[in-house]
Amino acid sequence: MPERRESDRKIYVKVRADFTLDGRIIPLMLRPEDGPACRIDRILDVREASSLKAGGQGSRYTCRVGERTVLLFHDEPYWFIEGE
């Protein structure tokens, strides 16, 4: 497994997801290590992209979580969101 590099710009999260029969991953919930679980209300966009703030390359999910839009990254095998 690749090394997980800690950063102030990357907030690693646990993700609960569905895996479709055609191989897509649909995240349903995310949870920071030190915070409550958040339900993902809607996936607005999915594309291969890098995080400009935190670095890393993989799938970028633009998600609606409550009133916020969150960029969730899947950089195999880890998931993270961008920090402030």
PDB file of N, CA and C in Angstrom:
ATOM      1  N   MET A   1       0.842  -1.167   0.000  1.00  0.00           N
ATOM      2  CA  MET A   1       0.000   0.000   0.000  1.00  0.00           C
ATOM      3  C   MET A   1       0.896   1.241   0.000  1.00  0.00           C
ATOM      4  N   PRO A   2       0.591   2.236  -0.841  1.00  0.00           N
ATOM      5  CA  PRO A   2       1.390   3.458  -0.860  1.00  0.00           C
ATOM      6  C   PRO A   2       1.315   4.199   0.472  1.00  0.00           C
ATOM      7  N   GLU A   3       2.348   4.966   0.748  1.00  0.00           N
ATOM      8  CA  GLU A   3       2.411   5.718   1.993  1.00  0.00           C
ATOM      9  C   GLU A   3       1.421   6.875   1.965  1.00  0.00           C
ATOM     10  N   ARG A   4       0.743   7.083   3.083  1.00  0.00           N
ATOM     11  CA  ARG A   4      -0.193   8.194   3.226  1.00  0.00           C
ATOM     12  C   ARG A   4       0.562   9.375   3.801  1.00  0.00           C
ATOM     13  N   ARG A   5       0.655  10.453   3.061  1.00  0.00           N
ATOM     14  CA  ARG A   5       1.397  11.631   3.512  1.00  0.00           C
ATOM     15  C   ARG A   5       0.451  12.649   4.124  1.00  0.00           C
ATOM     16  N   GLU A   6       0.679  12.942   5.389  1.00  0.00           N
ATOM     17  CA  GLU A   6      -0.146  13.920   6.085  1.00  0.00           C
ATOM     18  C   GLU A   6       0.170  15.324   5.586  1.00  0.00           C
ATOM     19  N   SER A   7      -0.834  16.173   5.579  1.00  0.00           N
ATOM     20  CA  SER A   7      -0.684  17.546   5.115  1.00  0.00           C
ATOM     21  C   SER A   7      -1.820  18.368   5.706  1.00  0.00           C
ATOM     22  N   ASP A   8      -1.564  19.668   5.912  1.00  0.00           N
ATOM     23  CA  ASP A   8      -2.627  20.561   6.371  1.00  0.00           C
ATOM     24  C   ASP A   8      -3.663  20.768   5.272  1.00  0.00           C
ATOM     25  N   ARG A   9      -3.250  20.559   4.054  1.00  0.00           N
ATOM     26  CA  ARG A   9      -4.133  20.780   2.911  1.00  0.00           C
ATOM     27  C   ARG A   9      -4.993  19.562   2.582  1.00  0.00           C
ATOM     28  N   LYS A  10      -4.594  18.378   3.050  1.00  0.00           N
ATOM     29  CA  LYS A  10      -5.366  17.158   2.816  1.00  0.00           C
ATOM     30  C   LYS A  10      -5.991  16.709   4.122  1.00  0.00           C
ATOM     31  N   ILE A  11      -7.283  16.541   4.097  1.00  0.00           N
ATOM     32  CA  ILE A  11      -7.989  15.986   5.248  1.00  0.00           C
ATOM     33  C   ILE A  11      -8.480  14.616   4.821  1.00  0.00           C
ATOM     34  N   TYR A  12      -7.816  13.574   5.331  1.00  0.00           N
ATOM     35  CA  TYR A  12      -8.190  12.212   4.962  1.00  0.00           C
ATOM     36  C   TYR A  12      -9.521  11.860   5.611  1.00  0.00           C
ATOM     37  N   VAL A  13     -10.360  11.181   4.846  1.00  0.00           N
ATOM     38  CA  VAL A  13     -11.699  10.837   5.321  1.00  0.00           C
ATOM     39  C   VAL A  13     -11.970   9.362   5.055  1.00  0.00           C
ATOM     40  N   LYS A  14     -12.866   8.815   5.861  1.00  0.00           N
ATOM     41  CA  LYS A  14     -13.403   7.480   5.605  1.00  0.00           C
ATOM     42  C   LYS A  14     -14.612   7.679   4.704  1.00  0.00           C
ATOM     43  N   VAL A  15     -14.811   6.759   3.772  1.00  0.00           N
ATOM     44  CA  VAL A  15     -15.918   6.887   2.822  1.00  0.00           C
ATOM     45  C   VAL A  15     -16.704   5.587   2.775  1.00  0.00           C
ATOM     46  N   ARG A  16     -18.008   5.715   2.809  1.00  0.00           N
ATOM     47  CA  ARG A  16     -18.896   4.580   2.552  1.00  0.00           C
ATOM     48  C   ARG A  16     -19.419   4.785   1.137  1.00  0.00           C
ATOM     49  N   ALA A  17     -19.298   3.751   0.299  1.00  0.00           N
ATOM     50  CA  ALA A  17     -19.648   3.907  -1.113  1.00  0.00           C
ATOM     51  C   ALA A  17     -20.323   2.659  -1.661  1.00  0.00           C
ATOM     52  N   ASP A  18     -21.060   2.856  -2.737  1.00  0.00           N
ATOM     53  CA  ASP A  18     -21.613   1.762  -3.528  1.00  0.00           C
ATOM     54  C   ASP A  18     -20.709   1.540  -4.725  1.00  0.00           C
ATOM     55  N   PHE A  19     -20.576   0.301  -5.122  1.00  0.00           N
ATOM     56  CA  PHE A  19     -19.819  -0.071  -6.312  1.00  0.00           C
ATOM     57  C   PHE A  19     -20.805  -0.660  -7.307  1.00  0.00           C
ATOM     58  N   THR A  20     -20.929  -0.031  -8.481  1.00  0.00           N
ATOM     59  CA  THR A  20     -21.898  -0.481  -9.465  1.00  0.00           C
ATOM     60  C   THR A  20     -21.339  -1.664 -10.255  1.00  0.00           C
ATOM     61  N   LEU A  21     -22.222  -2.344 -10.956  1.00  0.00           N
ATOM     62  CA  LEU A  21     -21.821  -3.501 -11.751  1.00  0.00           C
ATOM     63  C   LEU A  21     -20.893  -3.114 -12.905  1.00  0.00           C
ATOM     64  N   ASP A  22     -20.974  -1.862 -13.352  1.00  0.00           N
ATOM     65  CA  ASP A  22     -20.099  -1.424 -14.442  1.00  0.00           C
ATOM     66  C   ASP A  22     -18.792  -0.806 -13.932  1.00  0.00           C
ATOM     67  N   GLY A  23     -18.531  -0.918 -12.616  1.00  0.00           N
ATOM     68  CA  GLY A  23     -17.237  -0.512 -12.075  1.00  0.00           C
ATOM     69  C   GLY A  23     -17.158   0.893 -11.508  1.00  0.00           C
ATOM     70  N   ARG A  24     -18.250   1.636 -11.535  1.00  0.00           N
ATOM     71  CA  ARG A  24     -18.221   2.987 -10.960  1.00  0.00           C
ATOM     72  C   ARG A  24     -18.311   2.929  -9.434  1.00  0.00           C
ATOM     73  N   ILE A  25     -17.727   3.938  -8.788  1.00  0.00           N
ATOM     74  CA  ILE A  25     -17.799   4.075  -7.333  1.00  0.00           C
ATOM     75  C   ILE A  25     -18.675   5.280  -7.040  1.00  0.00           C
ATOM     76  N   ILE A  26     -19.691   5.092  -6.200  1.00  0.00           N
ATOM     77  CA  ILE A  26     -20.589   6.179  -5.843  1.00  0.00           C
ATOM     78  C   ILE A  26     -20.494   6.394  -4.339  1.00  0.00           C
ATOM     79  N   PRO A  27     -19.775   7.458  -3.908  1.00  0.00           N
ATOM     80  CA  PRO A  27     -19.673   7.723  -2.472  1.00  0.00           C
ATOM     81  C   PRO A  27     -21.024   8.138  -1.890  1.00  0.00           C
ATOM     82  N   LEU A  28     -21.341   7.607  -0.706  1.00  0.00           N
ATOM     83  CA  LEU A  28     -22.610   7.885  -0.042  1.00  0.00           C
ATOM     84  C   LEU A  28     -22.433   8.729   1.216  1.00  0.00           C
ATOM     85  N   MET A  29     -21.347   8.481   1.949  1.00  0.00           N
ATOM     86  CA  MET A  29     -21.066   9.198   3.200  1.00  0.00           C
ATOM     87  C   MET A  29     -19.574   9.406   3.312  1.00  0.00           C
ATOM     88  N   LEU A  30     -19.188  10.462   4.038  1.00  0.00           N
ATOM     89  CA  LEU A  30     -17.778  10.670   4.345  1.00  0.00           C
ATOM     90  C   LEU A  30     -17.662  11.054   5.808  1.00  0.00           C
ATOM     91  N   ARG A  31     -16.500  10.740   6.379  1.00  0.00           N
ATOM     92  CA  ARG A  31     -16.281  11.053   7.792  1.00  0.00           C
ATOM     93  C   ARG A  31     -14.812  11.344   8.030  1.00  0.00           C
ATOM     94  N   PRO A  32     -14.483  12.583   8.456  1.00  0.00           N
ATOM     95  CA  PRO A  32     -13.104  12.871   8.871  1.00  0.00           C
ATOM     96  C   PRO A  32     -12.765  12.028  10.099  1.00  0.00           C
ATOM     97  N   GLU A  33     -11.478  11.779  10.302  1.00  0.00           N
ATOM     98  CA  GLU A  33     -11.056  10.937  11.429  1.00  0.00           C
ATOM     99  C   GLU A  33     -11.518  11.490  12.771  1.00  0.00           C
ATOM    100  N   ASP A  34     -11.612  12.807  12.885  1.00  0.00           N
ATOM    101  CA  ASP A  34     -11.976  13.417  14.165  1.00  0.00           C
ATOM    102  C   ASP A  34     -13.320  14.131  14.115  1.00  0.00           C
ATOM    103  N   GLY A  35     -14.216  13.707  13.222  1.00  0.00           N
ATOM    104  CA  GLY A  35     -15.491  14.411  13.103  1.00  0.00           C
ATOM    105  C   GLY A  35     -16.647  13.477  12.842  1.00  0.00           C
ATOM    106  N   PRO A  36     -17.837  14.060  12.766  1.00  0.00           N
ATOM    107  CA  PRO A  36     -19.033  13.255  12.531  1.00  0.00           C
ATOM    108  C   PRO A  36     -19.158  12.849  11.062  1.00  0.00           C
ATOM    109  N   ALA A  37     -19.936  11.811  10.826  1.00  0.00           N
ATOM    110  CA  ALA A  37     -20.210  11.360   9.461  1.00  0.00           C
ATOM    111  C   ALA A  37     -21.140  12.356   8.780  1.00  0.00           C
ATOM    112  N   CYS A  38     -20.933  12.561   7.487  1.00  0.00           N
ATOM    113  CA  CYS A  38     -21.760  13.466   6.692  1.00  0.00           C
ATOM    114  C   CYS A  38     -22.325  12.686   5.512  1.00  0.00           C
ATOM    115  N   ARG A  39     -23.618  12.783   5.339  1.00  0.00           N
ATOM    116  CA  ARG A  39     -24.264  12.123   4.201  1.00  0.00           C
ATOM    117  C   ARG A  39     -24.053  12.973   2.957  1.00  0.00           C
ATOM    118  N   ILE A  40     -23.676  12.329   1.862  1.00  0.00           N
ATOM    119  CA  ILE A  40     -23.528  13.021   0.584  1.00  0.00           C
ATOM    120  C   ILE A  40     -24.902  13.034  -0.066  1.00  0.00           C
ATOM    121  N   ASP A  41     -25.446  14.234  -0.242  1.00  0.00           N
ATOM    122  CA  ASP A  41     -26.797  14.372  -0.768  1.00  0.00           C
ATOM    123  C   ASP A  41     -26.859  14.148  -2.280  1.00  0.00           C
ATOM    124  N   ARG A  42     -25.799  14.585  -2.960  1.00  0.00           N
ATOM    125  CA  ARG A  42     -25.822  14.484  -4.423  1.00  0.00           C
ATOM    126  C   ARG A  42     -24.411  14.560  -4.981  1.00  0.00           C
ATOM    127  N   ILE A  43     -24.141  13.774  -6.014  1.00  0.00           N
ATOM    128  CA  ILE A  43     -22.883  13.857  -6.755  1.00  0.00           C
ATOM    129  C   ILE A  43     -23.152  14.764  -7.949  1.00  0.00           C
ATOM    130  N   LEU A  44     -22.451  15.897  -8.017  1.00  0.00           N
ATOM    131  CA  LEU A  44     -22.666  16.866  -9.089  1.00  0.00           C
ATOM    132  C   LEU A  44     -21.789  16.597 -10.304  1.00  0.00           C
ATOM    133  N   ASP A  45     -20.584  16.033 -10.062  1.00  0.00           N
ATOM    134  CA  ASP A  45     -19.647  15.805 -11.165  1.00  0.00           C
ATOM    135  C   ASP A  45     -18.597  14.787 -10.715  1.00  0.00           C
ATOM    136  N   VAL A  46     -18.115  14.001 -11.671  1.00  0.00           N
ATOM    137  CA  VAL A  46     -17.008  13.064 -11.429  1.00  0.00           C
ATOM    138  C   VAL A  46     -16.064  13.187 -12.611  1.00  0.00           C
ATOM    139  N   ARG A  47     -14.764  13.367 -12.315  1.00  0.00           N
ATOM    140  CA  ARG A  47     -13.758  13.433 -13.383  1.00  0.00           C
ATOM    141  C   ARG A  47     -12.385  13.126 -12.825  1.00  0.00           C
ATOM    142  N   GLU A  48     -11.478  12.744 -13.698  1.00  0.00           N
ATOM    143  CA  GLU A  48     -10.082  12.571 -13.320  1.00  0.00           C
ATOM    144  C   GLU A  48      -9.471  13.957 -13.208  1.00  0.00           C
ATOM    145  N   ALA A  49      -8.899  14.258 -12.062  1.00  0.00           N
ATOM    146  CA  ALA A  49      -8.343  15.594 -11.844  1.00  0.00           C
ATOM    147  C   ALA A  49      -7.371  15.553 -10.678  1.00  0.00           C
ATOM    148  N   SER A  50      -6.547  16.581 -10.602  1.00  0.00           N
ATOM    149  CA  SER A  50      -5.642  16.707  -9.461  1.00  0.00           C
ATOM    150  C   SER A  50      -6.173  17.782  -8.530  1.00  0.00           C
ATOM    151  N   SER A  51      -5.773  17.675  -7.274  1.00  0.00           N
ATOM    152  CA  SER A  51      -6.111  18.697  -6.297  1.00  0.00           C
ATOM    153  C   SER A  51      -5.089  19.817  -6.422  1.00  0.00           C
ATOM    154  N   LEU A  52      -5.545  20.994  -6.792  1.00  0.00           N
ATOM    155  CA  LEU A  52      -4.630  22.119  -6.970  1.00  0.00           C
ATOM    156  C   LEU A  52      -4.125  22.654  -5.625  1.00  0.00           C
ATOM    157  N   LYS A  53      -4.933  22.526  -4.573  1.00  0.00           N
ATOM    158  CA  LYS A  53      -4.530  23.005  -3.253  1.00  0.00           C
ATOM    159  C   LYS A  53      -3.637  22.019  -2.514  1.00  0.00           C
ATOM    160  N   ALA A  54      -3.945  20.723  -2.633  1.00  0.00           N
ATOM    161  CA  ALA A  54      -3.300  19.732  -1.770  1.00  0.00           C
ATOM    162  C   ALA A  54      -2.375  18.768  -2.500  1.00  0.00           C
ATOM    163  N   GLY A  55      -2.425  18.750  -3.817  1.00  0.00           N
ATOM    164  CA  GLY A  55      -1.648  17.764  -4.560  1.00  0.00           C
ATOM    165  C   GLY A  55      -2.366  16.436  -4.584  1.00  0.00           C
ATOM    166  N   GLY A  56      -1.896  15.549  -5.410  1.00  0.00           N
ATOM    167  CA  GLY A  56      -2.541  14.249  -5.547  1.00  0.00           C
ATOM    168  C   GLY A  56      -3.304  14.178  -6.857  1.00  0.00           C
ATOM    169  N   GLN A  57      -3.438  12.990  -7.392  1.00  0.00           N
ATOM    170  CA  GLN A  57      -4.098  12.768  -8.672  1.00  0.00           C
ATOM    171  C   GLN A  57      -5.042  11.603  -8.524  1.00  0.00           C
ATOM    172  N   GLY A  58      -6.216  11.716  -9.090  1.00  0.00           N
ATOM    173  CA  GLY A  58      -7.177  10.624  -9.044  1.00  0.00           C
ATOM    174  C   GLY A  58      -8.542  11.104  -9.459  1.00  0.00           C
ATOM    175  N   SER A  59      -9.568  10.451  -8.950  1.00  0.00           N
ATOM    176  CA  SER A  59     -10.943  10.830  -9.268  1.00  0.00           C
ATOM    177  C   SER A  59     -11.386  11.941  -8.335  1.00  0.00           C
ATOM    178  N   ARG A  60     -11.965  12.991  -8.927  1.00  0.00           N
ATOM    179  CA  ARG A  60     -12.504  14.100  -8.130  1.00  0.00           C
ATOM    180  C   ARG A  60     -14.017  14.059  -8.220  1.00  0.00           C
ATOM    181  N   TYR A  61     -14.651  13.964  -7.060  1.00  0.00           N
ATOM    182  CA  TYR A  61     -16.104  13.966  -6.958  1.00  0.00           C
ATOM    183  C   TYR A  61     -16.530  15.320  -6.413  1.00  0.00           C
ATOM    184  N   THR A  62     -17.349  16.036  -7.152  1.00  0.00           N
ATOM    185  CA  THR A  62     -17.941  17.276  -6.656  1.00  0.00           C
ATOM    186  C   THR A  62     -19.260  16.873  -6.020  1.00  0.00           C
ATOM    187  N   CYS A  63     -19.346  17.050  -4.698  1.00  0.00           N
ATOM    188  CA  CYS A  63     -20.473  16.537  -3.919  1.00  0.00           C
ATOM    189  C   CYS A  63     -21.230  17.670  -3.238  1.00  0.00           C
ATOM    190  N   ARG A  64     -22.512  17.442  -3.058  1.00  0.00           N
ATOM    191  CA  ARG A  64     -23.340  18.340  -2.267  1.00  0.00           C
ATOM    192  C   ARG A  64     -23.542  17.683  -0.913  1.00  0.00           C
ATOM    193  N   VAL A  65     -23.104  18.361   0.142  1.00  0.00           N
ATOM    194  CA  VAL A  65     -23.258  17.890   1.517  1.00  0.00           C
ATOM    195  C   VAL A  65     -23.987  19.002   2.264  1.00  0.00           C
ATOM    196  N   GLY A  66     -25.277  18.815   2.479  1.00  0.00           N
ATOM    197  CA  GLY A  66     -26.075  19.890   3.075  1.00  0.00           C
ATOM    198  C   GLY A  66     -26.082  21.092   2.141  1.00  0.00           C
ATOM    199  N   GLU A  67     -25.694  22.242   2.665  1.00  0.00           N
ATOM    200  CA  GLU A  67     -25.649  23.474   1.877  1.00  0.00           C
ATOM    201  C   GLU A  67     -24.292  23.706   1.220  1.00  0.00           C
ATOM    202  N   ARG A  68     -23.329  22.826   1.491  1.00  0.00           N
ATOM    203  CA  ARG A  68     -21.957  23.018   0.990  1.00  0.00           C
ATOM    204  C   ARG A  68     -21.667  22.161  -0.228  1.00  0.00           C
ATOM    205  N   THR A  69     -20.769  22.661  -1.068  1.00  0.00           N
ATOM    206  CA  THR A  69     -20.207  21.870  -2.155  1.00  0.00           C
ATOM    207  C   THR A  69     -18.814  21.447  -1.712  1.00  0.00           C
ATOM    208  N   VAL A  70     -18.538  20.145  -1.755  1.00  0.00           N
ATOM    209  CA  VAL A  70     -17.291  19.580  -1.266  1.00  0.00           C
ATOM    210  C   VAL A  70     -16.605  18.848  -2.409  1.00  0.00           C
ATOM    211  N   LEU A  71     -15.291  19.059  -2.547  1.00  0.00           N
ATOM    212  CA  LEU A  71     -14.501  18.297  -3.507  1.00  0.00           C
ATOM    213  C   LEU A  71     -13.886  17.124  -2.765  1.00  0.00           C
ATOM    214  N   LEU A  72     -14.279  15.921  -3.165  1.00  0.00           N
ATOM    215  CA  LEU A  72     -13.823  14.679  -2.559  1.00  0.00           C
ATOM    216  C   LEU A  72     -12.927  13.979  -3.573  1.00  0.00           C
ATOM    217  N   PHE A  73     -11.709  13.630  -3.154  1.00  0.00           N
ATOM    218  CA  PHE A  73     -10.740  13.008  -4.047  1.00  0.00           C
ATOM    219  C   PHE A  73     -10.499  11.561  -3.659  1.00  0.00           C
ATOM    220  N   HIS A  74     -10.430  10.701  -4.662  1.00  0.00           N
ATOM    221  CA  HIS A  74     -10.059   9.302  -4.449  1.00  0.00           C
ATOM    222  C   HIS A  74      -8.698   9.109  -5.102  1.00  0.00           C
ATOM    223  N   ASP A  75      -7.662   9.128  -4.280  1.00  0.00           N
ATOM    224  CA  ASP A  75      -6.276   8.951  -4.714  1.00  0.00           C
ATOM    225  C   ASP A  75      -5.862   7.580  -4.186  1.00  0.00           C
ATOM    226  N   GLU A  76      -6.095   6.540  -4.971  1.00  0.00           N
ATOM    227  CA  GLU A  76      -5.923   5.137  -4.563  1.00  0.00           C
ATOM    228  C   GLU A  76      -4.814   4.940  -3.548  1.00  0.00           C
ATOM    229  N   PRO A  77      -5.072   4.304  -2.457  1.00  0.00           N
ATOM    230  CA  PRO A  77      -6.339   3.770  -1.957  1.00  0.00           C
ATOM    231  C   PRO A  77      -7.039   4.730  -0.999  1.00  0.00           C
ATOM    232  N   TYR A  78      -6.586   5.967  -0.924  1.00  0.00           N
ATOM    233  CA  TYR A  78      -7.091   6.919   0.082  1.00  0.00           C
ATOM    234  C   TYR A  78      -8.113   7.875  -0.494  1.00  0.00           C
ATOM    235  N   TRP A  79      -8.933   8.404   0.411  1.00  0.00           N
ATOM    236  CA  TRP A  79      -9.899   9.457   0.089  1.00  0.00           C
ATOM    237  C   TRP A  79      -9.531  10.680   0.907  1.00  0.00           C
ATOM    238  N   PHE A  80      -9.669  11.872   0.322  1.00  0.00           N
ATOM    239  CA  PHE A  80      -9.427  13.102   1.084  1.00  0.00           C
ATOM    240  C   PHE A  80     -10.253  14.245   0.534  1.00  0.00           C
ATOM    241  N   ILE A  81     -10.441  15.258   1.374  1.00  0.00           N
ATOM    242  CA  ILE A  81     -11.013  16.528   0.963  1.00  0.00           C
ATOM    243  C   ILE A  81      -9.943  17.586   1.160  1.00  0.00           C
ATOM    244  N   GLU A  82     -10.099  18.720   0.497  1.00  0.00           N
ATOM    245  CA  GLU A  82      -9.113  19.793   0.616  1.00  0.00           C
ATOM    246  C   GLU A  82      -9.336  20.573   1.895  1.00  0.00           C
ATOM    247  N   GLY A  83      -8.249  20.871   2.620  1.00  0.00           N
ATOM    248  CA  GLY A  83      -8.325  21.721   3.804  1.00  0.00           C
ATOM    249  C   GLY A  83      -8.309  23.188   3.423  1.00  0.00           C
ATOM    250  N   GLU A  84      -8.506  24.030   4.386  1.00  0.00           N
ATOM    251  CA  GLU A  84      -8.525  25.485   4.153  1.00  0.00           C
ATOM    252  C   GLU A  84      -7.139  26.021   3.898  1.00  0.00           C
TER     253      GLU A  84
END
